[in-house]
Protein backbone atom coordinates (compact mmCIF):
# COMPACT_ATOMS: atom_id res chain seq x y z
CA GLU A 1 69.58 -10.75 -97.64
CA PRO A 2 71.83 -12.66 -100.02
CA ASP A 3 70.66 -15.80 -101.77
CA TYR A 4 73.61 -17.96 -100.76
CA VAL A 5 71.80 -21.19 -99.83
CA GLY A 6 69.51 -19.40 -97.41
CA LEU A 7 72.23 -17.79 -95.28
CA SER A 8 71.98 -14.31 -93.85
CA TYR A 9 74.86 -11.83 -94.10
CA LYS A 10 75.48 -12.44 -90.40
CA ASP A 11 75.88 -16.20 -91.04
CA LEU A 12 78.14 -15.54 -94.02
CA GLU A 13 80.30 -13.09 -92.05
CA ALA A 14 80.80 -15.73 -89.35
CA ILE A 15 81.54 -18.61 -91.73
CA LEU A 16 83.80 -16.64 -94.08
CA SER A 17 85.38 -14.44 -91.37
CA VAL A 18 84.87 -11.30 -93.49
CA SER A 19 82.62 -8.26 -93.43
CA ALA A 20 79.28 -8.01 -95.20
CA ASN A 21 80.79 -5.21 -97.33
CA LYS A 22 83.38 -7.58 -98.76
CA ILE A 23 80.71 -10.18 -99.51
CA THR A 24 78.48 -7.61 -101.24
CA LYS A 25 81.40 -6.19 -103.21
CA PHE A 26 82.36 -9.67 -104.43
CA ARG A 27 78.75 -10.48 -105.28
CA TYR A 28 78.47 -7.53 -107.66
CA SER A 29 82.02 -7.65 -108.99
CA LYS A 30 82.69 -8.86 -112.51
CA ASN A 31 86.38 -9.33 -111.78
CA VAL A 32 87.87 -11.66 -109.20
CA SER A 33 91.13 -10.11 -108.11
CA ASN A 34 93.70 -10.83 -105.45
CA GLU A 35 91.92 -8.46 -103.05
CA TYR A 36 89.47 -11.22 -102.13
CA GLY A 37 92.00 -13.97 -101.56
CA ILE A 38 91.81 -17.46 -102.94
CA GLU A 39 90.60 -18.98 -99.67
CA PHE A 40 87.63 -16.57 -99.54
CA VAL A 41 86.60 -17.55 -103.08
CA ALA A 42 87.08 -21.26 -102.33
CA LYS A 43 84.90 -21.03 -99.20
CA LEU A 44 82.23 -19.11 -101.08
CA ALA A 45 82.14 -21.77 -103.82
CA LEU A 46 81.80 -24.41 -101.12
CA ILE A 47 78.96 -22.52 -99.42
CA CYS A 48 77.12 -21.99 -102.71
CA ARG A 49 77.71 -25.61 -103.79
CA VAL A 50 79.26 -24.63 -107.13
CA PRO A 51 82.54 -25.69 -108.70
CA PHE A 52 85.41 -23.44 -107.61
CA HIS A 53 86.34 -22.45 -111.16
CA TRP A 54 82.85 -21.01 -111.74
CA LEU A 55 83.81 -18.10 -109.47
CA VAL A 56 87.25 -17.42 -110.95
CA VAL A 57 87.05 -17.86 -114.73
CA ASP A 58 84.64 -16.82 -117.46
CA ASP A 59 84.93 -20.13 -119.33
CA ILE A 60 82.63 -22.35 -117.26
CA LYS A 61 83.41 -26.05 -117.57
CA GLN A 62 80.85 -28.70 -116.80
CA ILE A 63 82.99 -30.48 -114.21
CA TYR A 64 82.63 -30.68 -110.45
CA ASP A 65 85.54 -31.67 -108.29
CA ASP A 66 86.96 -30.90 -104.87
CA GLU A 67 89.38 -28.20 -106.09
CA HIS A 68 88.12 -25.66 -103.52
CA LEU A 69 89.58 -27.81 -100.74
CA LEU A 70 93.08 -27.18 -102.10
CA TYR A 71 92.79 -23.53 -101.05
CA ILE A 72 91.14 -23.85 -97.64
CA GLN A 73 93.36 -23.83 -94.57
CA ASN A 74 92.95 -26.49 -91.88
CA LYS A 75 91.07 -28.75 -94.25
CA GLU A 76 92.71 -32.03 -93.22
CA GLU A 77 90.66 -33.81 -90.60
CA GLU A 78 91.49 -36.96 -88.71
CA ILE A 79 88.69 -39.38 -87.84
CA ILE A 80 88.56 -38.35 -84.15
CA GLY A 81 88.15 -34.67 -85.06
CA PHE A 82 85.48 -35.59 -87.61
CA ILE A 83 83.48 -37.52 -84.99
CA ASN A 84 83.60 -34.43 -82.75
CA LEU A 85 82.27 -32.32 -85.66
CA LEU A 86 79.32 -34.69 -85.99
CA LYS A 87 78.41 -34.14 -82.34
CA ASN A 88 78.28 -30.36 -82.82
CA ARG A 89 74.99 -30.08 -84.73
CA HIS A 90 73.51 -26.92 -83.25
CA ILE A 91 76.15 -24.41 -84.38
CA ARG A 92 75.47 -22.90 -87.83
CA ASN A 93 78.49 -23.60 -90.01
CA ILE A 94 79.58 -24.79 -93.43
CA LYS A 95 83.04 -26.15 -93.96
CA GLY A 96 84.98 -28.33 -96.31
CA ILE A 97 87.32 -31.04 -95.14
CA ARG A 98 89.39 -33.89 -96.46
CA LEU A 99 88.64 -36.74 -94.07
CA LYS A 100 91.85 -38.73 -93.81
CA PHE A 101 91.80 -42.50 -93.74
CA HIS A 102 94.65 -44.98 -93.86
CA ASN A 103 97.31 -44.99 -96.59
CA ASP A 104 96.85 -41.25 -97.30
CA LYS A 105 93.39 -41.84 -98.74
CA TYR A 106 90.73 -39.27 -98.06
CA ILE A 107 87.11 -38.41 -98.73
CA PRO A 108 86.36 -34.76 -99.59
CA LEU A 109 83.33 -33.51 -97.67
CA ARG A 110 81.13 -30.45 -97.49
CA ILE A 111 79.69 -30.29 -93.98
CA GLU A 112 76.73 -28.07 -93.17
CA SER A 113 75.53 -27.92 -89.58
CA GLY A 114 72.85 -26.09 -87.65
CA ASN A 115 69.42 -26.52 -86.10
CA GLY A 116 70.33 -29.90 -84.67
CA GLN A 117 71.41 -31.58 -87.85
CA ILE A 118 74.42 -32.06 -90.10
CA THR A 119 74.37 -32.61 -93.84
CA LEU A 120 77.41 -34.36 -95.28
CA GLU A 121 78.10 -34.20 -99.01
CA VAL A 122 80.85 -36.28 -100.60
CA LEU A 123 82.33 -33.85 -103.12
CA ASN A 124 83.46 -36.24 -105.78
CA GLY A 125 82.60 -39.54 -107.32
CA PHE A 126 86.14 -40.84 -107.22
CA SER A 127 86.24 -42.36 -103.74
CA SER A 128 86.59 -46.12 -103.89
CA GLU A 129 83.74 -48.38 -102.87
CA GLU A 130 85.96 -49.72 -100.06
CA LEU A 131 86.58 -46.21 -98.72
CA MET A 132 82.89 -45.31 -98.94
CA LEU A 133 81.97 -48.46 -97.00
CA GLU A 134 84.53 -47.50 -94.36
CA PHE A 135 83.05 -43.99 -94.23
CA GLU A 136 79.50 -45.33 -93.87
CA GLU A 137 80.64 -47.65 -91.08
CA LEU A 138 82.21 -44.64 -89.33
CA ILE A 139 78.96 -42.62 -89.33
CA LYS A 140 76.62 -45.60 -88.78
CA ALA A 141 76.30 -44.92 -85.02
CA PHE A 142 74.74 -41.52 -85.85
CA ASN A 143 71.87 -43.15 -87.83
CA PRO A 144 72.38 -41.17 -91.03
CA ILE A 145 69.75 -40.81 -93.73
CA LYS A 146 71.44 -41.67 -97.02
CA GLY A 147 70.65 -40.04 -100.31
CA ARG A 148 71.92 -38.31 -103.39
CA MET A 149 72.65 -34.58 -103.53
CA LEU A 150 71.72 -32.85 -106.77
CA THR A 151 74.40 -30.46 -108.02
CA VAL A 152 74.34 -27.47 -110.37
CA LEU A 153 75.52 -29.78 -113.15
CA GLU A 154 72.73 -31.59 -114.92
CA GLY A 155 72.87 -35.31 -114.26
CA ARG A 156 75.62 -35.01 -111.63
CA THR A 157 74.90 -36.05 -108.05
CA HIS A 158 77.00 -36.62 -104.94
CA TRP A 159 76.46 -39.00 -102.05
CA GLY A 160 74.74 -37.24 -99.18
CA TYR A 161 73.98 -38.07 -95.57
CA ILE A 162 71.85 -36.27 -93.00
CA ILE A 163 72.46 -36.76 -89.29
CA LYS A 164 70.02 -35.17 -86.87
CA SER A 165 69.68 -34.87 -83.14
CA GLU A 166 66.79 -36.75 -81.57
CA ASP A 167 65.33 -33.49 -80.28
CA SER A 168 65.36 -31.69 -83.64
CA VAL A 169 62.99 -31.67 -86.56
CA LEU A 170 64.42 -33.08 -89.79
CA THR A 171 64.81 -30.50 -92.52
CA GLU A 172 65.89 -32.05 -95.79
CA PRO A 173 67.54 -29.67 -98.26
CA MET A 174 65.57 -29.42 -101.50
CA TYR A 175 68.56 -30.82 -103.38
CA PHE A 176 68.69 -33.97 -101.20
CA LYS A 177 66.94 -37.07 -102.52
CA ARG A 178 66.57 -40.03 -100.16
CA LEU A 179 67.44 -43.48 -101.40
């Protein structure tokens, strides 16, 4: 079993839409080449909660942004589609989206679902306070638990929210700290 945030190869195959062989080959490769495809690498960075550039260059920078979302297809999500995603908590999935608001503003999100709950992670600290308040108002009906998500960068956290179904047991990720 791989150690990608507790996912099995079967889960990874489904989320990444690739074979376990390709995942294993990438895992032990020292060289990221075009054979993997930029979208595959971007999705893997998103799944592993690491900056995209950590998987493609040797010179690791201590920055965390939403660069992986530039390379993922179908990443733009309107509010109605996002609300539908929040209702689908039992299917195991991890995806990255740019939730579109008015005036071409967006919030970059990592969404992890399964076992009756969804964890939302805001992937940057650059969203305006006004936009974050609008986002929180949007998810308010789902009774989210608000917290901070620890990242691989020391001292860097992201806003995080957990939404669970009434019939499921809350499982907080170890990197989630309630406020």
